C-alpha atoms as a PDB file:
ATOM      1  CA  MET A   1      79.773 169.622 137.744  1.00  0.00           C
ATOM      2  CA  GLU A   2      79.573 167.441 134.668  1.00  0.00           C
ATOM      3  CA  PRO A   3      78.467 168.970 131.354  1.00  0.00           C
ATOM      4  CA  PRO A   4      75.160 167.672 129.963  1.00  0.00           C
ATOM      5  CA  PRO A   5      74.942 165.665 126.719  1.00  0.00           C
ATOM      6  CA  TYR A   6      73.821 168.667 124.641  1.00  0.00           C
ATOM      7  CA  SER A   7      75.492 171.723 123.128  1.00  0.00           C
ATOM      8  CA  ASN A   8      75.720 174.073 126.071  1.00  0.00           C
ATOM      9  CA  ALA A   9      77.012 177.326 127.467  1.00  0.00           C
ATOM     10  CA  ALA A  10      78.392 177.757 130.963  1.00  0.00           C
ATOM     11  CA  HIS A  11      76.121 180.299 132.632  1.00  0.00           C
ATOM     12  CA  HIS A  12      76.999 182.368 135.700  1.00  0.00           C
ATOM     13  CA  LEU A  13      73.912 182.305 137.935  1.00  0.00           C
ATOM     14  CA  THR A  14      74.962 185.733 139.215  1.00  0.00           C
ATOM     15  CA  PRO A  15      75.855 187.600 136.007  1.00  0.00           C
ATOM     16  CA  TRP A  16      79.401 188.875 136.161  1.00  0.00           C
ATOM     17  CA  ASN A  17      79.879 191.138 133.146  1.00  0.00           C
ATOM     18  CA  ASP A  18      76.622 193.028 133.518  1.00  0.00           C
ATOM     19  CA  SER A  19      76.462 196.318 135.404  1.00  0.00           C
ATOM     20  CA  ARG A  20      72.758 195.734 136.093  1.00  0.00           C
ATOM     21  CA  ALA A  21      73.789 192.898 138.430  1.00  0.00           C
ATOM     22  CA  GLU A  22      76.144 194.967 140.598  1.00  0.00           C
ATOM     23  CA  LYS A  23      74.123 194.429 143.804  1.00  0.00           C
ATOM     24  CA  ALA A  24      73.994 190.665 143.256  1.00  0.00           C
ATOM     25  CA  GLN A  25      77.738 190.626 142.503  1.00  0.00           C
ATOM     26  CA  ILE A  26      78.465 192.429 145.781  1.00  0.00           C
ATOM     27  CA  LEU A  27      76.278 189.975 147.705  1.00  0.00           C
ATOM     28  CA  LEU A  28      78.088 187.032 146.114  1.00  0.00           C
ATOM     29  CA  LYS A  29      81.433 188.489 147.242  1.00  0.00           C
ATOM     30  CA  GLU A  30      80.070 189.141 150.749  1.00  0.00           C
ATOM     31  CA  PHE A  31      79.186 185.449 151.012  1.00  0.00           C
ATOM     32  CA  GLY A  32      82.726 184.558 149.899  1.00  0.00           C
ATOM     33  CA  ILE A  33      81.596 182.810 146.722  1.00  0.00           C
ATOM     34  CA  ASP A  34      83.862 183.155 143.692  1.00  0.00           C
ATOM     35  CA  HIS A  35      81.958 184.159 140.570  1.00  0.00           C
ATOM     36  CA  ASP A  36      83.640 181.351 138.595  1.00  0.00           C
ATOM     37  CA  SER A  37      82.891 178.653 141.182  1.00  0.00           C
ATOM     38  CA  ALA A  38      80.626 175.706 140.434  1.00  0.00           C
ATOM     39  CA  ALA A  39      78.219 177.074 143.056  1.00  0.00           C
ATOM     40  CA  ASN A  40      77.568 180.048 140.756  1.00  0.00           C
ATOM     41  CA  GLY A  41      77.246 178.076 137.536  1.00  0.00           C
ATOM     42  CA  VAL A  42      75.043 175.897 135.410  1.00  0.00           C
ATOM     43  CA  PHE A  43      75.355 174.421 131.929  1.00  0.00           C
ATOM     44  CA  LEU A  44      72.430 175.532 129.777  1.00  0.00           C
ATOM     45  CA  PRO A  45      71.589 174.613 126.189  1.00  0.00           C
ATOM     46  CA  TYR A  46      71.956 177.288 123.537  1.00  0.00           C
ATOM     47  CA  LYS A  47      69.794 175.494 120.987  1.00  0.00           C
ATOM     48  CA  VAL A  48      66.960 173.003 121.038  1.00  0.00           C
ATOM     49  CA  ASN A  49      67.792 169.354 120.341  1.00  0.00           C
ATOM     50  CA  GLU A  50      66.568 165.881 121.347  1.00  0.00           C
ATOM     51  CA  TYR A  51      68.207 166.112 124.793  1.00  0.00           C
ATOM     52  CA  VAL A  52      66.671 169.426 125.825  1.00  0.00           C
ATOM     53  CA  THR A  53      63.382 169.067 127.661  1.00  0.00           C
ATOM     54  CA  THR A  54      62.650 171.736 130.269  1.00  0.00           C
ATOM     55  CA  GLU A  55      65.911 173.712 130.379  1.00  0.00           C
ATOM     56  CA  VAL A  56      65.833 177.400 129.466  1.00  0.00           C
ATOM     57  CA  LEU A  57      67.992 178.380 126.504  1.00  0.00           C
ATOM     58  CA  HIS A  58      71.132 180.455 127.033  1.00  0.00           C
ATOM     59  CA  ILE A  59      70.769 182.846 124.105  1.00  0.00           C
ATOM     60  CA  GLY A  60      70.215 186.549 123.974  1.00  0.00           C
ATOM     61  CA  LYS A  61      70.564 189.201 126.638  1.00  0.00           C
ATOM     62  CA  HIS A  62      69.663 188.299 130.231  1.00  0.00           C
ATOM     63  CA  SER A  63      66.410 189.915 131.274  1.00  0.00           C
ATOM     64  CA  SER A  64      66.207 192.522 134.005  1.00  0.00           C
ATOM     65  CA  GLU A  65      63.623 190.287 135.680  1.00  0.00           C
ATOM     66  CA  TYR A  66      66.149 187.453 135.945  1.00  0.00           C
ATOM     67  CA  ILE A  67      68.837 189.724 137.390  1.00  0.00           C
ATOM     68  CA  LEU A  68      66.391 191.177 139.924  1.00  0.00           C
ATOM     69  CA  GLU A  69      65.346 187.663 140.977  1.00  0.00           C
ATOM     70  CA  VAL A  70      68.954 186.639 141.656  1.00  0.00           C
ATOM     71  CA  GLU A  71      69.441 189.836 143.656  1.00  0.00           C
ATOM     72  CA  ARG A  72      66.182 189.239 145.559  1.00  0.00           C
ATOM     73  CA  VAL A  73      67.135 185.682 146.480  1.00  0.00           C
ATOM     74  CA  LEU A  74      70.645 186.590 147.679  1.00  0.00           C
ATOM     75  CA  SER A  75      69.330 189.649 149.559  1.00  0.00           C
ATOM     76  CA  LEU A  76      66.834 187.455 151.376  1.00  0.00           C
ATOM     77  CA  VAL A  77      69.603 185.084 152.476  1.00  0.00           C
ATOM     78  CA  LYS A  78      71.583 188.049 153.827  1.00  0.00           C
ATOM     79  CA  LYS A  79      68.533 189.578 155.542  1.00  0.00           C
ATOM     80  CA  ARG A  80      67.924 186.283 157.354  1.00  0.00           C
ATOM     81  CA  GLY A  81      71.546 186.206 158.549  1.00  0.00           C
ATOM     82  CA  GLY A  82      72.383 183.354 156.210  1.00  0.00           C
ATOM     83  CA  THR A  83      75.769 181.734 155.818  1.00  0.00           C
ATOM     84  CA  GLN A  84      77.817 180.946 152.735  1.00  0.00           C
ATOM     85  CA  ALA A  85      76.194 177.492 152.737  1.00  0.00           C
ATOM     86  CA  ASP A  86      72.753 179.134 152.728  1.00  0.00           C
ATOM     87  CA  ALA A  87      73.757 181.312 149.769  1.00  0.00           C
ATOM     88  CA  VAL A  88      75.070 178.245 147.912  1.00  0.00           C
ATOM     89  CA  GLU A  89      71.737 176.499 148.564  1.00  0.00           C
ATOM     90  CA  ALA A  90      69.870 179.558 147.250  1.00  0.00           C
ATOM     91  CA  LEU A  91      72.011 179.505 144.097  1.00  0.00           C
ATOM     92  CA  HIS A  92      71.273 175.791 143.731  1.00  0.00           C
ATOM     93  CA  ASP A  93      67.559 176.629 143.836  1.00  0.00           C
ATOM     94  CA  ILE A  94      68.049 179.197 141.051  1.00  0.00           C
ATOM     95  CA  ARG A  95      69.959 176.545 139.056  1.00  0.00           C
ATOM     96  CA  GLU A  96      67.119 174.037 139.476  1.00  0.00           C
ATOM     97  CA  ARG A  97      64.540 176.631 138.448  1.00  0.00           C
ATOM     98  CA  LEU A  98      66.500 177.327 135.241  1.00  0.00           C
ATOM     99  CA  LEU A  99      66.857 173.623 134.486  1.00  0.00           C
ATOM    100  CA  ASN A 100      63.178 172.869 135.013  1.00  0.00           C
ATOM    101  CA  GLY A 101      62.007 175.942 133.093  1.00  0.00           C
ATOM    102  CA  GLU A 102      60.440 177.666 136.110  1.00  0.00           C
ATOM    103  CA  LEU A 103      62.704 180.719 135.896  1.00  0.00           C
ATOM    104  CA  LYS A 104      63.190 182.518 132.590  1.00  0.00           C
ATOM    105  CA  LEU A 105      66.684 183.756 131.800  1.00  0.00           C
ATOM    106  CA  ASN A 106      66.142 185.900 128.741  1.00  0.00           C
ATOM    107  CA  LYS A 107      63.942 186.487 125.780  1.00  0.00           C
ATOM    108  CA  PRO A 108      65.438 184.062 123.238  1.00  0.00           C
ATOM    109  CA  LYS A 109      65.792 184.967 119.609  1.00  0.00           C
ATOM    110  CA  LYS A 110      63.314 183.348 117.240  1.00  0.00           C
ATOM    111  CA  GLU A 111      64.616 180.146 115.695  1.00  0.00           C
END
């Protein structure tokens, strides 16, 4: 995964250092996906600049809504008997939703 041309932060799609995401973390392990793998990551901007268009900003605390959405998506893959490849595809969908602004990550601080 190549970093974008803007100041960015590497974001774990499934939060790793957040106890609120314990269920999602367990699901990630069950699918055999390392939390530091590219499949569980995305580069997000941490400030607005001329390159940033639709991407959500990676600033502030992750919202409970975001964490619950990641858990919901991974739980659905498991419920349907999905494979590791299915879980990776589901994570890719979360990544795309963050990059196109469809899924909110947090409540950013005022600039």
